[in-house]
Amino acid sequence: MYNQLTNEEKMVVNSEVNNQKKSAGVAYLLWFFLGTLGIHRFYLNRKASAIAQLLLTVVGWLTVVFAIGFVFLLICGVWLLVDLFLIGGMIKKDQADLVDHYSEKILHNRQASF
């Protein structure tokens, strides 16, 4: 879709993407300080997996007395380690989704004006 746009329209799309894109620095800071709560995933619009991380952490800490909580916390810890390497890709996908969204919006507006 992006390739079908004029240079001026591409500039508008790029401007909108730059205004709306997620910051890698913010994502990694959220991962580092609040990662076990899934806050970095909320920031990157991954709500279902963010809720899963949050529940794993809460259930883990609530059941740590029964030793089963350590399993939940271990799962969450491994997930956080994997997220360290996935955050960059999540940000790129978010930017690609924004480009597609604004390109589609411009093309739709162009067709509607004819």
N, C-alpha and C. Protein backbone atom coordinates (compact mmCIF):
# COMPACT_ATOMS: atom_id res chain seq x y z
N MET A 1 0.82 -1.20 0.00
CA MET A 1 0.00 0.00 0.00
C MET A 1 0.86 1.26 0.00
N TYR A 2 1.91 1.22 0.80
CA TYR A 2 2.77 2.40 0.94
C TYR A 2 3.36 2.80 -0.41
N ASN A 3 3.67 1.81 -1.26
CA ASN A 3 4.28 2.09 -2.55
C ASN A 3 3.32 2.77 -3.52
N GLN A 4 2.03 2.71 -3.25
CA GLN A 4 1.03 3.32 -4.11
C GLN A 4 0.85 4.81 -3.81
N LEU A 5 1.50 5.31 -2.78
CA LEU A 5 1.33 6.70 -2.38
C LEU A 5 2.27 7.62 -3.13
N THR A 6 1.86 8.88 -3.27
CA THR A 6 2.74 9.90 -3.84
C THR A 6 3.79 10.27 -2.80
N ASN A 7 4.79 11.01 -3.22
CA ASN A 7 5.85 11.43 -2.28
C ASN A 7 5.29 12.28 -1.15
N GLU A 8 4.34 13.14 -1.46
CA GLU A 8 3.74 14.00 -0.43
C GLU A 8 2.96 13.15 0.58
N GLU A 9 2.24 12.17 0.05
CA GLU A 9 1.47 11.29 0.95
C GLU A 9 2.41 10.44 1.81
N LYS A 10 3.52 10.02 1.23
CA LYS A 10 4.50 9.25 2.00
C LYS A 10 5.08 10.11 3.13
N MET A 11 5.29 11.39 2.85
CA MET A 11 5.80 12.28 3.88
C MET A 11 4.79 12.42 5.02
N VAL A 12 3.50 12.48 4.69
CA VAL A 12 2.46 12.57 5.71
C VAL A 12 2.45 11.29 6.55
N VAL A 13 2.53 10.13 5.89
CA VAL A 13 2.55 8.86 6.61
C VAL A 13 3.75 8.80 7.53
N ASN A 14 4.93 9.16 7.01
CA ASN A 14 6.14 9.12 7.84
C ASN A 14 6.05 10.06 9.03
N SER A 15 5.44 11.22 8.82
CA SER A 15 5.26 12.17 9.92
C SER A 15 4.34 11.59 11.00
N GLU A 16 3.25 10.99 10.57
CA GLU A 16 2.31 10.39 11.53
C GLU A 16 2.96 9.22 12.27
N VAL A 17 3.72 8.40 11.57
CA VAL A 17 4.38 7.26 12.20
C VAL A 17 5.40 7.76 13.24
N ASN A 18 6.15 8.81 12.88
CA ASN A 18 7.12 9.35 13.84
C ASN A 18 6.45 9.92 15.08
N ASN A 19 5.25 10.47 14.91
CA ASN A 19 4.52 11.01 16.06
C ASN A 19 3.92 9.91 16.93
N GLN A 20 3.56 8.78 16.33
CA GLN A 20 2.83 7.74 17.04
C GLN A 20 3.68 6.55 17.48
N LYS A 21 4.90 6.43 16.96
CA LYS A 21 5.69 5.22 17.21
C LYS A 21 6.10 5.10 18.67
N LYS A 22 6.33 3.87 19.07
CA LYS A 22 6.75 3.56 20.44
C LYS A 22 8.25 3.73 20.56
N SER A 23 8.70 4.14 21.72
CA SER A 23 10.12 4.35 21.98
C SER A 23 10.75 3.06 22.50
N ALA A 24 11.86 2.68 21.88
CA ALA A 24 12.58 1.49 22.33
C ALA A 24 13.14 1.72 23.73
N GLY A 25 13.62 2.92 24.00
CA GLY A 25 14.16 3.23 25.32
C GLY A 25 13.12 3.08 26.42
N VAL A 26 11.94 3.59 26.17
CA VAL A 26 10.86 3.48 27.15
C VAL A 26 10.48 2.01 27.34
N ALA A 27 10.39 1.27 26.24
CA ALA A 27 10.02 -0.14 26.32
C ALA A 27 11.04 -0.93 27.15
N TYR A 28 12.32 -0.68 26.93
CA TYR A 28 13.34 -1.41 27.68
C TYR A 28 13.39 -0.96 29.15
N LEU A 29 13.14 0.31 29.41
CA LEU A 29 13.08 0.76 30.81
C LEU A 29 11.90 0.12 31.54
N LEU A 30 10.75 0.06 30.87
CA LEU A 30 9.60 -0.60 31.47
C LEU A 30 9.87 -2.09 31.68
N TRP A 31 10.55 -2.71 30.71
CA TRP A 31 10.92 -4.13 30.86
C TRP A 31 11.83 -4.32 32.07
N PHE A 32 12.81 -3.44 32.22
CA PHE A 32 13.78 -3.60 33.30
C PHE A 32 13.16 -3.39 34.67
N PHE A 33 12.36 -2.33 34.83
CA PHE A 33 11.83 -2.00 36.15
C PHE A 33 10.49 -2.66 36.47
N LEU A 34 9.65 -2.86 35.48
CA LEU A 34 8.30 -3.39 35.73
C LEU A 34 7.98 -4.60 34.86
N GLY A 35 9.01 -5.26 34.38
CA GLY A 35 8.82 -6.36 33.44
C GLY A 35 7.99 -7.50 33.98
N THR A 36 8.16 -7.86 35.23
CA THR A 36 7.41 -8.99 35.77
C THR A 36 5.90 -8.71 35.80
N LEU A 37 5.53 -7.45 35.77
CA LEU A 37 4.11 -7.09 35.75
C LEU A 37 3.57 -6.95 34.32
N GLY A 38 4.45 -7.13 33.32
CA GLY A 38 4.03 -7.05 31.93
C GLY A 38 3.76 -5.65 31.42
N ILE A 39 4.24 -4.65 32.13
CA ILE A 39 3.95 -3.26 31.75
C ILE A 39 4.52 -2.92 30.38
N HIS A 40 5.70 -3.46 30.05
CA HIS A 40 6.29 -3.20 28.73
C HIS A 40 5.40 -3.76 27.62
N ARG A 41 4.71 -4.85 27.88
CA ARG A 41 3.81 -5.43 26.89
C ARG A 41 2.54 -4.60 26.76
N PHE A 42 2.05 -4.04 27.86
CA PHE A 42 0.92 -3.11 27.77
C PHE A 42 1.31 -1.92 26.90
N TYR A 43 2.51 -1.39 27.12
CA TYR A 43 3.00 -0.25 26.36
C TYR A 43 3.07 -0.56 24.86
N LEU A 44 3.43 -1.80 24.53
CA LEU A 44 3.57 -2.21 23.13
C LEU A 44 2.29 -2.81 22.56
N ASN A 45 1.16 -2.58 23.22
CA ASN A 45 -0.17 -3.03 22.78
C ASN A 45 -0.28 -4.54 22.66
N ARG A 46 0.37 -5.26 23.54
CA ARG A 46 0.24 -6.72 23.61
C ARG A 46 -0.52 -7.05 24.89
N LYS A 47 -1.79 -6.66 24.92
CA LYS A 47 -2.57 -6.71 26.16
C LYS A 47 -2.80 -8.12 26.70
N ALA A 48 -3.09 -9.08 25.83
CA ALA A 48 -3.37 -10.43 26.31
C ALA A 48 -2.14 -11.04 26.99
N SER A 49 -0.99 -10.93 26.36
CA SER A 49 0.22 -11.50 26.97
C SER A 49 0.66 -10.68 28.18
N ALA A 50 0.35 -9.39 28.19
CA ALA A 50 0.67 -8.57 29.36
C ALA A 50 -0.15 -9.02 30.57
N ILE A 51 -1.41 -9.30 30.33
CA ILE A 51 -2.27 -9.78 31.42
C ILE A 51 -1.79 -11.15 31.90
N ALA A 52 -1.35 -11.99 30.96
CA ALA A 52 -0.83 -13.31 31.34
C ALA A 52 0.42 -13.17 32.21
N GLN A 53 1.32 -12.26 31.85
CA GLN A 53 2.52 -12.04 32.67
C GLN A 53 2.15 -11.50 34.05
N LEU A 54 1.22 -10.58 34.07
CA LEU A 54 0.78 -10.01 35.34
C LEU A 54 0.18 -11.10 36.23
N LEU A 55 -0.68 -11.94 35.66
CA LEU A 55 -1.29 -13.02 36.44
C LEU A 55 -0.25 -14.03 36.91
N LEU A 56 0.71 -14.38 36.06
CA LEU A 56 1.76 -15.30 36.47
C LEU A 56 2.53 -14.76 37.67
N THR A 57 2.84 -13.47 37.64
CA THR A 57 3.58 -12.87 38.74
C THR A 57 2.75 -12.83 40.02
N VAL A 58 1.52 -12.38 39.92
CA VAL A 58 0.66 -12.27 41.10
C VAL A 58 0.40 -13.65 41.71
N VAL A 59 0.01 -14.59 40.85
CA VAL A 59 -0.26 -15.95 41.34
C VAL A 59 1.01 -16.57 41.90
N GLY A 60 2.12 -16.31 41.25
CA GLY A 60 3.40 -16.83 41.74
C GLY A 60 3.73 -16.33 43.13
N TRP A 61 3.59 -15.03 43.34
CA TRP A 61 3.91 -14.49 44.67
C TRP A 61 2.89 -14.92 45.73
N LEU A 62 1.63 -15.09 45.32
CA LEU A 62 0.61 -15.52 46.29
C LEU A 62 0.77 -16.99 46.68
N THR A 63 1.33 -17.79 45.79
CA THR A 63 1.47 -19.23 46.07
C THR A 63 2.91 -19.64 46.36
N VAL A 64 3.79 -18.68 46.52
CA VAL A 64 5.19 -19.00 46.80
C VAL A 64 5.33 -19.73 48.15
N VAL A 65 4.39 -19.51 49.03
CA VAL A 65 4.39 -20.17 50.33
C VAL A 65 4.22 -21.68 50.16
N PHE A 66 3.48 -22.08 49.14
CA PHE A 66 3.22 -23.50 48.89
C PHE A 66 4.25 -24.11 47.93
N ALA A 67 5.27 -23.40 47.60
CA ALA A 67 6.37 -23.80 46.72
C ALA A 67 5.97 -23.87 45.24
N ILE A 68 4.69 -23.95 44.93
CA ILE A 68 4.26 -23.97 43.53
C ILE A 68 4.49 -22.60 42.89
N GLY A 69 4.49 -21.57 43.72
CA GLY A 69 4.69 -20.21 43.22
C GLY A 69 6.03 -20.03 42.54
N PHE A 70 7.03 -20.81 42.98
CA PHE A 70 8.35 -20.70 42.36
C PHE A 70 8.30 -21.13 40.89
N VAL A 71 7.44 -22.06 40.57
CA VAL A 71 7.29 -22.49 39.17
C VAL A 71 6.73 -21.35 38.33
N PHE A 72 5.70 -20.69 38.85
CA PHE A 72 5.11 -19.55 38.12
C PHE A 72 6.13 -18.43 37.95
N LEU A 73 6.88 -18.16 39.00
CA LEU A 73 7.87 -17.09 38.93
C LEU A 73 9.02 -17.46 37.99
N LEU A 74 9.37 -18.73 37.94
CA LEU A 74 10.41 -19.19 37.01
C LEU A 74 9.94 -19.03 35.57
N ILE A 75 8.70 -19.40 35.31
CA ILE A 75 8.13 -19.23 33.97
C ILE A 75 8.15 -17.76 33.57
N CYS A 76 7.75 -16.91 34.50
CA CYS A 76 7.75 -15.47 34.23
C CYS A 76 9.17 -14.95 33.98
N GLY A 77 10.13 -15.45 34.75
CA GLY A 77 11.52 -15.04 34.57
C GLY A 77 12.07 -15.43 33.20
N VAL A 78 11.76 -16.64 32.77
CA VAL A 78 12.21 -17.08 31.43
C VAL A 78 11.54 -16.23 30.36
N TRP A 79 10.26 -15.96 30.55
CA TRP A 79 9.51 -15.13 29.60
C TRP A 79 10.14 -13.74 29.50
N LEU A 80 10.55 -13.19 30.63
CA LEU A 80 11.19 -11.87 30.63
C LEU A 80 12.50 -11.91 29.87
N LEU A 81 13.25 -12.96 30.04
CA LEU A 81 14.52 -13.09 29.32
C LEU A 81 14.26 -13.15 27.81
N VAL A 82 13.26 -13.89 27.40
CA VAL A 82 12.91 -13.97 25.98
C VAL A 82 12.45 -12.60 25.48
N ASP A 83 11.67 -11.90 26.29
CA ASP A 83 11.19 -10.57 25.90
C ASP A 83 12.33 -9.59 25.65
N LEU A 84 13.43 -9.77 26.34
CA LEU A 84 14.59 -8.90 26.13
C LEU A 84 14.97 -8.89 24.65
N PHE A 85 14.85 -10.04 24.00
CA PHE A 85 15.22 -10.14 22.59
C PHE A 85 14.05 -9.87 21.65
N LEU A 86 12.83 -9.92 22.14
CA LEU A 86 11.65 -9.72 21.31
C LEU A 86 11.19 -8.27 21.21
N ILE A 87 11.59 -7.44 22.14
CA ILE A 87 11.08 -6.06 22.19
C ILE A 87 11.40 -5.31 20.90
N GLY A 88 12.59 -5.45 20.37
CA GLY A 88 12.96 -4.76 19.13
C GLY A 88 12.03 -5.13 17.98
N GLY A 89 11.72 -6.41 17.86
CA GLY A 89 10.81 -6.86 16.81
C GLY A 89 9.39 -6.37 17.03
N MET A 90 8.97 -6.30 18.29
CA MET A 90 7.63 -5.78 18.58
C MET A 90 7.51 -4.32 18.17
N ILE A 91 8.57 -3.57 18.39
CA ILE A 91 8.55 -2.15 18.03
C ILE A 91 8.51 -2.00 16.51
N LYS A 92 9.31 -2.81 15.80
CA LYS A 92 9.29 -2.75 14.33
C LYS A 92 7.92 -3.13 13.78
N LYS A 93 7.29 -4.13 14.36
CA LYS A 93 5.96 -4.54 13.90
C LYS A 93 4.95 -3.44 14.16
N ASP A 94 5.06 -2.78 15.31
CA ASP A 94 4.15 -1.68 15.62
C ASP A 94 4.30 -0.56 14.60
N GLN A 95 5.55 -0.25 14.22
CA GLN A 95 5.78 0.80 13.22
C GLN A 95 5.24 0.38 11.85
N ALA A 96 5.42 -0.88 11.49
CA ALA A 96 4.89 -1.37 10.21
C ALA A 96 3.37 -1.31 10.21
N ASP A 97 2.76 -1.64 11.33
CA ASP A 97 1.30 -1.56 11.44
C ASP A 97 0.82 -0.11 11.30
N LEU A 98 1.58 0.83 11.88
CA LEU A 98 1.22 2.24 11.75
C LEU A 98 1.33 2.70 10.30
N VAL A 99 2.39 2.28 9.61
CA VAL A 99 2.55 2.64 8.19
C VAL A 99 1.38 2.10 7.39
N ASP A 100 1.02 0.85 7.63
CA ASP A 100 -0.11 0.26 6.91
C ASP A 100 -1.41 1.00 7.21
N HIS A 101 -1.62 1.31 8.49
CA HIS A 101 -2.85 1.99 8.90
C HIS A 101 -2.99 3.34 8.21
N TYR A 102 -1.93 4.16 8.27
CA TYR A 102 -2.02 5.50 7.69
C TYR A 102 -2.02 5.46 6.17
N SER A 103 -1.32 4.50 5.58
CA SER A 103 -1.36 4.36 4.12
C SER A 103 -2.76 3.99 3.65
N GLU A 104 -3.36 3.05 4.35
CA GLU A 104 -4.72 2.63 4.01
C GLU A 104 -5.70 3.79 4.18
N LYS A 105 -5.52 4.56 5.22
CA LYS A 105 -6.39 5.71 5.48
C LYS A 105 -6.29 6.74 4.35
N ILE A 106 -5.07 7.01 3.91
CA ILE A 106 -4.88 7.99 2.83
C ILE A 106 -5.46 7.46 1.53
N LEU A 107 -5.21 6.18 1.23
CA LEU A 107 -5.75 5.61 -0.01
C LEU A 107 -7.28 5.61 0.01
N HIS A 108 -7.85 5.32 1.16
CA HIS A 108 -9.32 5.34 1.29
C HIS A 108 -9.85 6.75 1.07
N ASN A 109 -9.18 7.75 1.67
CA ASN A 109 -9.62 9.13 1.49
C ASN A 109 -9.46 9.57 0.03
N ARG A 110 -8.40 9.10 -0.63
CA ARG A 110 -8.19 9.45 -2.03
C ARG A 110 -9.31 8.87 -2.89
N GLN A 111 -9.69 7.63 -2.64
CA GLN A 111 -10.76 6.99 -3.42
C GLN A 111 -12.11 7.64 -3.14
N ALA A 112 -12.33 8.05 -1.90
CA ALA A 112 -13.60 8.67 -1.55
C ALA A 112 -13.77 10.04 -2.20
N SER A 113 -12.65 10.72 -2.48
CA SER A 113 -12.74 12.06 -3.05
C SER A 113 -13.01 12.03 -4.54
N PHE A 114 -12.85 10.88 -5.19
CA PHE A 114 -13.11 10.80 -6.63
C PHE A 114 -14.55 10.64 -6.88
